């Protein structure tokens, strides 16, 4: 069963182009990650954003452990966002691991 998150999706969409960082907060297990990594990502893809413009990192995953160091995280994002003519979307889950 998928819970309707149109309200939160529309909030993200309405603030998409304001050049500010968005932080999604809430208690555990309410769907914050699902909102970003599935619903919002699918929305971005549906409006023509290329997959390479969407950077996703889940810092609780072992394969991303190196990015828990701020300098490594910064360098990774900088390397992935090197084209100044593109808009990038960076989704970081479990940022408290940093």
PDB file of N, CA and C in Angstrom:
ATOM      1  N   UNK A   1       0.839  -1.185   0.000  1.00  0.00           N
ATOM      2  CA  UNK A   1       0.000   0.000   0.000  1.00  0.00           C
ATOM      3  C   UNK A   1       0.885   1.250   0.000  1.00  0.00           C
ATOM      4  N   UNK A   2       0.639   2.134  -0.924  1.00  0.00           N
ATOM      5  CA  UNK A   2       1.371   3.391  -0.973  1.00  0.00           C
ATOM      6  C   UNK A   2       0.496   4.493  -0.405  1.00  0.00           C
ATOM      7  N   UNK A   3       1.077   5.246   0.507  1.00  0.00           N
ATOM      8  CA  UNK A   3       0.366   6.368   1.101  1.00  0.00           C
ATOM      9  C   UNK A   3       0.489   7.563   0.166  1.00  0.00           C
ATOM     10  N   UNK A   4      -0.586   8.275  -0.028  1.00  0.00           N
ATOM     11  CA  UNK A   4      -0.600   9.446  -0.895  1.00  0.00           C
ATOM     12  C   UNK A   4       0.233  10.561  -0.260  1.00  0.00           C
ATOM     13  N   UNK A   5       1.254  10.982  -0.964  1.00  0.00           N
ATOM     14  CA  UNK A   5       2.137  12.038  -0.461  1.00  0.00           C
ATOM     15  C   UNK A   5       2.120  13.251  -1.387  1.00  0.00           C
ATOM     16  N   UNK A   6       0.996  13.468  -2.050  1.00  0.00           N
ATOM     17  CA  UNK A   6       0.882  14.587  -2.991  1.00  0.00           C
ATOM     18  C   UNK A   6       1.194  15.921  -2.336  1.00  0.00           C
ATOM     19  N   UNK A   7       0.750  16.118  -1.110  1.00  0.00           N
ATOM     20  CA  UNK A   7       0.988  17.385  -0.413  1.00  0.00           C
ATOM     21  C   UNK A   7       2.490  17.666  -0.341  1.00  0.00           C
ATOM     22  N   UNK A   8       3.261  16.675   0.099  1.00  0.00           N
ATOM     23  CA  UNK A   8       4.703  16.859   0.263  1.00  0.00           C
ATOM     24  C   UNK A   8       5.411  16.939  -1.086  1.00  0.00           C
ATOM     25  N   UNK A   9       4.955  16.156  -2.039  1.00  0.00           N
ATOM     26  CA  UNK A   9       5.522  16.235  -3.385  1.00  0.00           C
ATOM     27  C   UNK A   9       5.292  17.624  -3.967  1.00  0.00           C
ATOM     28  N   UNK A  10       4.104  18.149  -3.833  1.00  0.00           N
ATOM     29  CA  UNK A  10       3.801  19.485  -4.356  1.00  0.00           C
ATOM     30  C   UNK A  10       4.614  20.565  -3.659  1.00  0.00           C
ATOM     31  N   UNK A  11       4.901  20.391  -2.366  1.00  0.00           N
ATOM     32  CA  UNK A  11       5.763  21.352  -1.657  1.00  0.00           C
ATOM     33  C   UNK A  11       7.169  21.340  -2.259  1.00  0.00           C
ATOM     34  N   UNK A  12       7.693  20.153  -2.525  1.00  0.00           N
ATOM     35  CA  UNK A  12       9.015  20.054  -3.145  1.00  0.00           C
ATOM     36  C   UNK A  12       9.017  20.658  -4.542  1.00  0.00           C
ATOM     37  N   UNK A  13       7.997  20.350  -5.308  1.00  0.00           N
ATOM     38  CA  UNK A  13       7.906  20.868  -6.676  1.00  0.00           C
ATOM     39  C   UNK A  13       7.829  22.386  -6.672  1.00  0.00           C
ATOM     40  N   UNK A  14       7.046  22.959  -5.779  1.00  0.00           N
ATOM     41  CA  UNK A  14       6.866  24.414  -5.754  1.00  0.00           C
ATOM     42  C   UNK A  14       8.150  25.147  -5.375  1.00  0.00           C
ATOM     43  N   UNK A  15       9.057  24.484  -4.692  1.00  0.00           N
ATOM     44  CA  UNK A  15      10.306  25.124  -4.265  1.00  0.00           C
ATOM     45  C   UNK A  15      11.516  24.608  -5.047  1.00  0.00           C
ATOM     46  N   UNK A  16      11.261  23.878  -6.119  1.00  0.00           N
ATOM     47  CA  UNK A  16      12.326  23.229  -6.889  1.00  0.00           C
ATOM     48  C   UNK A  16      13.364  24.203  -7.433  1.00  0.00           C
ATOM     49  N   UNK A  17      12.949  25.350  -7.885  1.00  0.00           N
ATOM     50  CA  UNK A  17      13.865  26.271  -8.568  1.00  0.00           C
ATOM     51  C   UNK A  17      14.295  27.466  -7.725  1.00  0.00           C
ATOM     52  N   UNK A  18      14.234  27.355  -6.404  1.00  0.00           N
ATOM     53  CA  UNK A  18      14.605  28.509  -5.582  1.00  0.00           C
ATOM     54  C   UNK A  18      16.069  28.500  -5.140  1.00  0.00           C
ATOM     55  N   UNK A  19      16.860  27.551  -5.652  1.00  0.00           N
ATOM     56  CA  UNK A  19      18.301  27.472  -5.371  1.00  0.00           C
ATOM     57  C   UNK A  19      18.631  27.343  -3.894  1.00  0.00           C
ATOM     58  N   UNK A  20      17.738  26.769  -3.122  1.00  0.00           N
ATOM     59  CA  UNK A  20      17.989  26.545  -1.702  1.00  0.00           C
ATOM     60  C   UNK A  20      18.012  25.047  -1.421  1.00  0.00           C
ATOM     61  N   UNK A  21      18.759  24.698  -0.396  1.00  0.00           N
ATOM     62  CA  UNK A  21      18.815  23.306   0.047  1.00  0.00           C
ATOM     63  C   UNK A  21      17.514  22.973   0.754  1.00  0.00           C
ATOM     64  N   UNK A  22      16.988  21.800   0.442  1.00  0.00           N
ATOM     65  CA  UNK A  22      15.768  21.333   1.103  1.00  0.00           C
ATOM     66  C   UNK A  22      16.148  20.228   2.076  1.00  0.00           C
ATOM     67  N   UNK A  23      15.622  20.295   3.281  1.00  0.00           N
ATOM     68  CA  UNK A  23      15.858  19.277   4.296  1.00  0.00           C
ATOM     69  C   UNK A  23      14.512  18.677   4.655  1.00  0.00           C
ATOM     70  N   UNK A  24      14.410  17.375   4.516  1.00  0.00           N
ATOM     71  CA  UNK A  24      13.179  16.667   4.853  1.00  0.00           C
ATOM     72  C   UNK A  24      13.376  16.075   6.248  1.00  0.00           C
ATOM     73  N   UNK A  25      12.541  16.474   7.195  1.00  0.00           N
ATOM     74  CA  UNK A  25      12.663  15.977   8.559  1.00  0.00           C
ATOM     75  C   UNK A  25      11.389  15.254   8.974  1.00  0.00           C
ATOM     76  N   UNK A  26      11.509  14.459   9.990  1.00  0.00           N
ATOM     77  CA  UNK A  26      10.360  13.739  10.524  1.00  0.00           C
ATOM     78  C   UNK A  26      10.830  12.546  11.329  1.00  0.00           C
ATOM     79  N   UNK A  27       9.899  11.925  12.025  1.00  0.00           N
ATOM     80  CA  UNK A  27      10.258  10.770  12.827  1.00  0.00           C
ATOM     81  C   UNK A  27      10.618   9.602  11.915  1.00  0.00           C
ATOM     82  N   UNK A  28      11.238   8.603  12.518  1.00  0.00           N
ATOM     83  CA  UNK A  28      11.681   7.429  11.756  1.00  0.00           C
ATOM     84  C   UNK A  28      10.505   6.689  11.140  1.00  0.00           C
ATOM     85  N   UNK A  29      10.760   6.122   9.948  1.00  0.00           N
ATOM     86  CA  UNK A  29       9.838   5.200   9.295  1.00  0.00           C
ATOM     87  C   UNK A  29       8.531   5.830   8.814  1.00  0.00           C
ATOM     88  N   UNK A  30       8.571   7.130   8.482  1.00  0.00           N
ATOM     89  CA  UNK A  30       7.347   7.774   7.979  1.00  0.00           C
ATOM     90  C   UNK A  30       7.367   7.976   6.465  1.00  0.00           C
ATOM     91  N   UNK A  31       8.490   7.683   5.806  1.00  0.00           N
ATOM     92  CA  UNK A  31       8.531   7.767   4.354  1.00  0.00           C
ATOM     93  C   UNK A  31       9.331   8.913   3.776  1.00  0.00           C
ATOM     94  N   UNK A  32      10.213   9.517   4.553  1.00  0.00           N
ATOM     95  CA  UNK A  32      11.029  10.625   4.037  1.00  0.00           C
ATOM     96  C   UNK A  32      11.908  10.158   2.875  1.00  0.00           C
ATOM     97  N   UNK A  33      12.590   9.048   3.074  1.00  0.00           N
ATOM     98  CA  UNK A  33      13.465   8.512   2.024  1.00  0.00           C
ATOM     99  C   UNK A  33      12.654   8.090   0.811  1.00  0.00           C
ATOM    100  N   UNK A  34      11.528   7.455   1.036  1.00  0.00           N
ATOM    101  CA  UNK A  34      10.674   7.019  -0.065  1.00  0.00           C
ATOM    102  C   UNK A  34      10.189   8.221  -0.875  1.00  0.00           C
ATOM    103  N   UNK A  35       9.847   9.292  -0.183  1.00  0.00           N
ATOM    104  CA  UNK A  35       9.404  10.516  -0.855  1.00  0.00           C
ATOM    105  C   UNK A  35      10.479  11.018  -1.809  1.00  0.00           C
ATOM    106  N   UNK A  36      11.719  11.085  -1.358  1.00  0.00           N
ATOM    107  CA  UNK A  36      12.801  11.600  -2.203  1.00  0.00           C
ATOM    108  C   UNK A  36      13.265  10.597  -3.246  1.00  0.00           C
ATOM    109  N   UNK A  37      13.642   9.409  -2.805  1.00  0.00           N
ATOM    110  CA  UNK A  37      14.307   8.440  -3.667  1.00  0.00           C
ATOM    111  C   UNK A  37      13.365   7.766  -4.652  1.00  0.00           C
ATOM    112  N   UNK A  38      12.090   7.841  -4.425  1.00  0.00           N
ATOM    113  CA  UNK A  38      11.129   7.212  -5.335  1.00  0.00           C
ATOM    114  C   UNK A  38      10.176   8.237  -5.944  1.00  0.00           C
ATOM    115  N   UNK A  39       9.370   8.855  -5.123  1.00  0.00           N
ATOM    116  CA  UNK A  39       8.319   9.734  -5.648  1.00  0.00           C
ATOM    117  C   UNK A  39       8.910  10.968  -6.334  1.00  0.00           C
ATOM    118  N   UNK A  40       9.775  11.712  -5.635  1.00  0.00           N
ATOM    119  CA  UNK A  40      10.327  12.941  -6.214  1.00  0.00           C
ATOM    120  C   UNK A  40      11.280  12.620  -7.369  1.00  0.00           C
ATOM    121  N   UNK A  41      12.081  11.576  -7.215  1.00  0.00           N
ATOM    122  CA  UNK A  41      12.988  11.187  -8.299  1.00  0.00           C
ATOM    123  C   UNK A  41      12.192  10.823  -9.550  1.00  0.00           C
ATOM    124  N   UNK A  42      11.131  10.058  -9.402  1.00  0.00           N
ATOM    125  CA  UNK A  42      10.296   9.701 -10.556  1.00  0.00           C
ATOM    126  C   UNK A  42       9.654  10.933 -11.183  1.00  0.00           C
ATOM    127  N   UNK A  43       9.268  11.890 -10.360  1.00  0.00           N
ATOM    128  CA  UNK A  43       8.728  13.148 -10.889  1.00  0.00           C
ATOM    129  C   UNK A  43       9.792  13.848 -11.740  1.00  0.00           C
ATOM    130  N   UNK A  44      11.005  13.972 -11.212  1.00  0.00           N
ATOM    131  CA  UNK A  44      12.076  14.644 -11.955  1.00  0.00           C
ATOM    132  C   UNK A  44      12.342  13.949 -13.287  1.00  0.00           C
ATOM    133  N   UNK A  45      12.397  12.640 -13.265  1.00  0.00           N
ATOM    134  CA  UNK A  45      12.607  11.890 -14.511  1.00  0.00           C
ATOM    135  C   UNK A  45      11.459  12.117 -15.488  1.00  0.00           C
ATOM    136  N   UNK A  46      10.243  12.224 -14.976  1.00  0.00           N
ATOM    137  CA  UNK A  46       9.073  12.399 -15.849  1.00  0.00           C
ATOM    138  C   UNK A  46       9.035  13.762 -16.528  1.00  0.00           C
ATOM    139  N   UNK A  47       9.728  14.748 -15.953  1.00  0.00           N
ATOM    140  CA  UNK A  47       9.751  16.075 -16.579  1.00  0.00           C
ATOM    141  C   UNK A  47      11.020  16.292 -17.408  1.00  0.00           C
ATOM    142  N   UNK A  48      11.794  15.223 -17.613  1.00  0.00           N
ATOM    143  CA  UNK A  48      12.936  15.308 -18.509  1.00  0.00           C
ATOM    144  C   UNK A  48      14.290  15.500 -17.865  1.00  0.00           C
ATOM    145  N   UNK A  49      14.368  15.452 -16.552  1.00  0.00           N
ATOM    146  CA  UNK A  49      15.673  15.527 -15.891  1.00  0.00           C
ATOM    147  C   UNK A  49      16.395  14.209 -16.156  1.00  0.00           C
ATOM    148  N   UNK A  50      17.654  14.290 -16.582  1.00  0.00           N
ATOM    149  CA  UNK A  50      18.433  13.088 -16.866  1.00  0.00           C
ATOM    150  C   UNK A  50      18.852  12.404 -15.572  1.00  0.00           C
ATOM    151  N   UNK A  51      18.948  11.095 -15.646  1.00  0.00           N
ATOM    152  CA  UNK A  51      19.351  10.287 -14.483  1.00  0.00           C
ATOM    153  C   UNK A  51      20.697  10.752 -13.917  1.00  0.00           C
ATOM    154  N   UNK A  52      21.629  11.186 -14.795  1.00  0.00           N
ATOM    155  CA  UNK A  52      22.946  11.611 -14.313  1.00  0.00           C
ATOM    156  C   UNK A  52      22.913  12.944 -13.575  1.00  0.00           C
ATOM    157  N   UNK A  53      21.798  13.633 -13.600  1.00  0.00           N
ATOM    158  CA  UNK A  53      21.646  14.880 -12.851  1.00  0.00           C
ATOM    159  C   UNK A  53      21.060  14.638 -11.461  1.00  0.00           C
ATOM    160  N   UNK A  54      20.717  13.399 -11.167  1.00  0.00           N
ATOM    161  CA  UNK A  54      20.151  13.047  -9.870  1.00  0.00           C
ATOM    162  C   UNK A  54      21.170  12.180  -9.141  1.00  0.00           C
ATOM    163  N   UNK A  55      21.732  12.714  -8.081  1.00  0.00           N
ATOM    164  CA  UNK A  55      22.770  12.032  -7.322  1.00  0.00           C
ATOM    165  C   UNK A  55      22.148  11.549  -6.019  1.00  0.00           C
ATOM    166  N   UNK A  56      22.212  10.252  -5.782  1.00  0.00           N
ATOM    167  CA  UNK A  56      21.620   9.696  -4.570  1.00  0.00           C
ATOM    168  C   UNK A  56      22.689   8.993  -3.753  1.00  0.00           C
ATOM    169  N   UNK A  57      22.679   9.258  -2.465  1.00  0.00           N
ATOM    170  CA  UNK A  57      23.610   8.612  -1.545  1.00  0.00           C
ATOM    171  C   UNK A  57      22.865   8.226  -0.280  1.00  0.00           C
ATOM    172  N   UNK A  58      23.009   6.986   0.113  1.00  0.00           N
ATOM    173  CA  UNK A  58      22.459   6.516   1.383  1.00  0.00           C
ATOM    174  C   UNK A  58      23.656   6.209   2.272  1.00  0.00           C
ATOM    175  N   UNK A  59      23.928   7.092   3.214  1.00  0.00           N
ATOM    176  CA  UNK A  59      25.154   6.986   3.994  1.00  0.00           C
ATOM    177  C   UNK A  59      25.134   5.854   5.013  1.00  0.00           C
ATOM    178  N   UNK A  60      24.001   5.218   5.233  1.00  0.00           N
ATOM    179  CA  UNK A  60      23.970   4.063   6.124  1.00  0.00           C
ATOM    180  C   UNK A  60      24.390   2.781   5.412  1.00  0.00           C
ATOM    181  N   UNK A  61      24.557   2.839   4.110  1.00  0.00           N
ATOM    182  CA  UNK A  61      24.971   1.668   3.332  1.00  0.00           C
ATOM    183  C   UNK A  61      26.493   1.519   3.365  1.00  0.00           C
ATOM    184  N   UNK A  62      26.943   0.288   3.541  1.00  0.00           N
ATOM    185  CA  UNK A  62      28.375   0.008   3.644  1.00  0.00           C
ATOM    186  C   UNK A  62      29.147   0.504   2.423  1.00  0.00           C
ATOM    187  N   UNK A  63      28.573   0.347   1.244  1.00  0.00           N
ATOM    188  CA  UNK A  63      29.289   0.747   0.021  1.00  0.00           C
ATOM    189  C   UNK A  63      29.504   2.259  -0.070  1.00  0.00           C
ATOM    190  N   UNK A  64      28.818   3.028   0.759  1.00  0.00           N
ATOM    191  CA  UNK A  64      28.986   4.488   0.769  1.00  0.00           C
ATOM    192  C   UNK A  64      29.717   4.985   2.009  1.00  0.00           C
ATOM    193  N   UNK A  65      30.334   4.084   2.759  1.00  0.00           N
ATOM    194  CA  UNK A  65      30.989   4.454   4.020  1.00  0.00           C
ATOM    195  C   UNK A  65      32.076   5.509   3.824  1.00  0.00           C
ATOM    196  N   UNK A  66      32.784   5.476   2.696  1.00  0.00           N
ATOM    197  CA  UNK A  66      33.845   6.466   2.453  1.00  0.00           C
ATOM    198  C   UNK A  66      33.302   7.889   2.408  1.00  0.00           C
ATOM    199  N   UNK A  67      32.058   8.043   2.010  1.00  0.00           N
ATOM    200  CA  UNK A  67      31.481   9.383   1.875  1.00  0.00           C
ATOM    201  C   UNK A  67      30.999   9.952   3.202  1.00  0.00           C
ATOM    202  N   UNK A  68      31.191   9.219   4.287  1.00  0.00           N
ATOM    203  CA  UNK A  68      30.837   9.733   5.613  1.00  0.00           C
ATOM    204  C   UNK A  68      31.844  10.769   6.097  1.00  0.00           C
ATOM    205  N   UNK A  69      32.974  10.849   5.417  1.00  0.00           N
ATOM    206  CA  UNK A  69      33.969  11.888   5.706  1.00  0.00           C
ATOM    207  C   UNK A  69      33.624  13.091   4.838  1.00  0.00           C
ATOM    208  N   UNK A  70      33.540  14.252   5.456  1.00  0.00           N
ATOM    209  CA  UNK A  70      33.068  15.435   4.733  1.00  0.00           C
ATOM    210  C   UNK A  70      33.872  15.742   3.484  1.00  0.00           C
ATOM    211  N   UNK A  71      35.196  15.606   3.561  1.00  0.00           N
ATOM    212  CA  UNK A  71      36.002  15.916   2.377  1.00  0.00           C
ATOM    213  C   UNK A  71      35.719  14.930   1.244  1.00  0.00           C
ATOM    214  N   UNK A  72      35.509  13.672   1.563  1.00  0.00           N
ATOM    215  CA  UNK A  72      35.173  12.682   0.531  1.00  0.00           C
ATOM    216  C   UNK A  72      33.800  12.955  -0.064  1.00  0.00           C
ATOM    217  N   UNK A  73      32.843  13.283   0.790  1.00  0.00           N
ATOM    218  CA  UNK A  73      31.492  13.600   0.317  1.00  0.00           C
ATOM    219  C   UNK A  73      31.525  14.826  -0.590  1.00  0.00           C
ATOM    220  N   UNK A  74      32.220  15.857  -0.157  1.00  0.00           N
ATOM    221  CA  UNK A  74      32.337  17.083  -0.946  1.00  0.00           C
ATOM    222  C   UNK A  74      32.968  16.799  -2.311  1.00  0.00           C
ATOM    223  N   UNK A  75      34.076  16.066  -2.313  1.00  0.00           N
ATOM    224  CA  UNK A  75      34.771  15.771  -3.572  1.00  0.00           C
ATOM    225  C   UNK A  75      33.910  14.933  -4.508  1.00  0.00           C
ATOM    226  N   UNK A  76      33.173  13.985  -3.960  1.00  0.00           N
ATOM    227  CA  UNK A  76      32.295  13.151  -4.781  1.00  0.00           C
ATOM    228  C   UNK A  76      31.208  13.993  -5.438  1.00  0.00           C
ATOM    229  N   UNK A  77      30.560  14.842  -4.651  1.00  0.00           N
ATOM    230  CA  UNK A  77      29.485  15.684  -5.195  1.00  0.00           C
ATOM    231  C   UNK A  77      30.049  16.678  -6.204  1.00  0.00           C
ATOM    232  N   UNK A  78      31.186  17.269  -5.889  1.00  0.00           N
ATOM    233  CA  UNK A  78      31.805  18.225  -6.816  1.00  0.00           C
ATOM    234  C   UNK A  78      32.147  17.554  -8.146  1.00  0.00           C
ATOM    235  N   UNK A  79      32.671  16.352  -8.087  1.00  0.00           N
ATOM    236  CA  UNK A  79      33.029  15.613  -9.307  1.00  0.00           C
ATOM    237  C   UNK A  79      31.784  15.254 -10.117  1.00  0.00           C
ATOM    238  N   UNK A  80      30.702  14.897  -9.453  1.00  0.00           N
ATOM    239  CA  UNK A  80      29.465  14.495 -10.138  1.00  0.00           C
ATOM    240  C   UNK A  80      28.673  15.685 -10.671  1.00  0.00           C
ATOM    241  N   UNK A  81      28.975  16.895 -10.187  1.00  0.00           N
ATOM    242  CA  UNK A  81      28.219  18.087 -10.595  1.00  0.00           C
ATOM    243  C   UNK A  81      29.116  19.064 -11.345  1.00  0.00           C
ATOM    244  N   UNK A  82      29.939  18.557 -12.226  1.00  0.00           N
ATOM    245  CA  UNK A  82      30.974  19.384 -12.854  1.00  0.00           C
ATOM    246  C   UNK A  82      30.488  20.252 -14.008  1.00  0.00           C
ATOM    247  N   UNK A  83      29.313  19.993 -14.551  1.00  0.00           N
ATOM    248  CA  UNK A  83      28.820  20.771 -15.686  1.00  0.00           C
ATOM    249  C   UNK A  83      28.014  21.974 -15.180  1.00  0.00           C
ATOM    250  N   UNK A  84      28.549  23.195 -15.343  1.00  0.00           N
ATOM    251  CA  UNK A  84      27.845  24.380 -14.830  1.00  0.00           C
ATOM    252  C   UNK A  84      26.556  24.707 -15.586  1.00  0.00           C
ATOM    253  N   UNK A  85      26.338  24.059 -16.718  1.00  0.00           N
ATOM    254  CA  UNK A  85      25.132  24.321 -17.510  1.00  0.00           C
ATOM    255  C   UNK A  85      23.966  23.410 -17.146  1.00  0.00           C
ATOM    256  N   UNK A  86      24.175  22.535 -16.167  1.00  0.00           N
ATOM    257  CA  UNK A  86      23.120  21.616 -15.743  1.00  0.00           C
ATOM    258  C   UNK A  86      22.713  21.910 -14.304  1.00  0.00           C
ATOM    259  N   UNK A  87      21.473  21.605 -14.003  1.00  0.00           N
ATOM    260  CA  UNK A  87      20.999  21.636 -12.624  1.00  0.00           C
ATOM    261  C   UNK A  87      21.068  20.213 -12.090  1.00  0.00           C
ATOM    262  N   UNK A  88      21.613  20.066 -10.889  1.00  0.00           N
ATOM    263  CA  UNK A  88      21.748  18.753 -10.276  1.00  0.00           C
ATOM    264  C   UNK A  88      20.863  18.663  -9.043  1.00  0.00           C
ATOM    265  N   UNK A  89      20.460  17.449  -8.741  1.00  0.00           N
ATOM    266  CA  UNK A  89      19.635  17.160  -7.573  1.00  0.00           C
ATOM    267  C   UNK A  89      20.394  16.134  -6.745  1.00  0.00           C
ATOM    268  N   UNK A  90      20.733  16.501  -5.518  1.00  0.00           N
ATOM    269  CA  UNK A  90      21.530  15.638  -4.649  1.00  0.00           C
ATOM    270  C   UNK A  90      20.655  15.195  -3.483  1.00  0.00           C
ATOM    271  N   UNK A  91      20.437  13.895  -3.392  1.00  0.00           N
ATOM    272  CA  UNK A  91      19.639  13.321  -2.309  1.00  0.00           C
ATOM    273  C   UNK A  91      20.586  12.551  -1.396  1.00  0.00           C
ATOM    274  N   UNK A  92      20.672  12.968  -0.146  1.00  0.00           N
ATOM    275  CA  UNK A  92      21.529  12.283   0.826  1.00  0.00           C
ATOM    276  C   UNK A  92      20.646  11.783   1.960  1.00  0.00           C
ATOM    277  N   UNK A  93      20.678  10.484   2.162  1.00  0.00           N
ATOM    278  CA  UNK A  93      19.921   9.866   3.244  1.00  0.00           C
ATOM    279  C   UNK A  93      20.873   9.538   4.388  1.00  0.00           C
ATOM    280  N   UNK A  94      20.405   9.705   5.598  1.00  0.00           N
ATOM    281  CA  UNK A  94      21.175   9.412   6.815  1.00  0.00           C
ATOM    282  C   UNK A  94      22.430  10.283   6.906  1.00  0.00           C
ATOM    283  N   UNK A  95      22.262  11.572   6.669  1.00  0.00           N
ATOM    284  CA  UNK A  95      23.382  12.528   6.690  1.00  0.00           C
ATOM    285  C   UNK A  95      24.055  12.595   8.061  1.00  0.00           C
ATOM    286  N   UNK A  96      23.357  12.177   9.113  1.00  0.00           N
ATOM    287  CA  UNK A  96      23.945  12.220  10.450  1.00  0.00           C
ATOM    288  C   UNK A  96      25.161  11.302  10.573  1.00  0.00           C
ATOM    289  N   UNK A  97      25.360  10.390   9.619  1.00  0.00           N
ATOM    290  CA  UNK A  97      26.545   9.536   9.626  1.00  0.00           C
ATOM    291  C   UNK A  97      27.805  10.318   9.274  1.00  0.00           C
ATOM    292  N   UNK A  98      27.663  11.497   8.744  1.00  0.00           N
ATOM    293  CA  UNK A  98      28.801  12.310   8.333  1.00  0.00           C
ATOM    294  C   UNK A  98      29.492  12.934   9.540  1.00  0.00           C
TER     295      UNK A  98
END
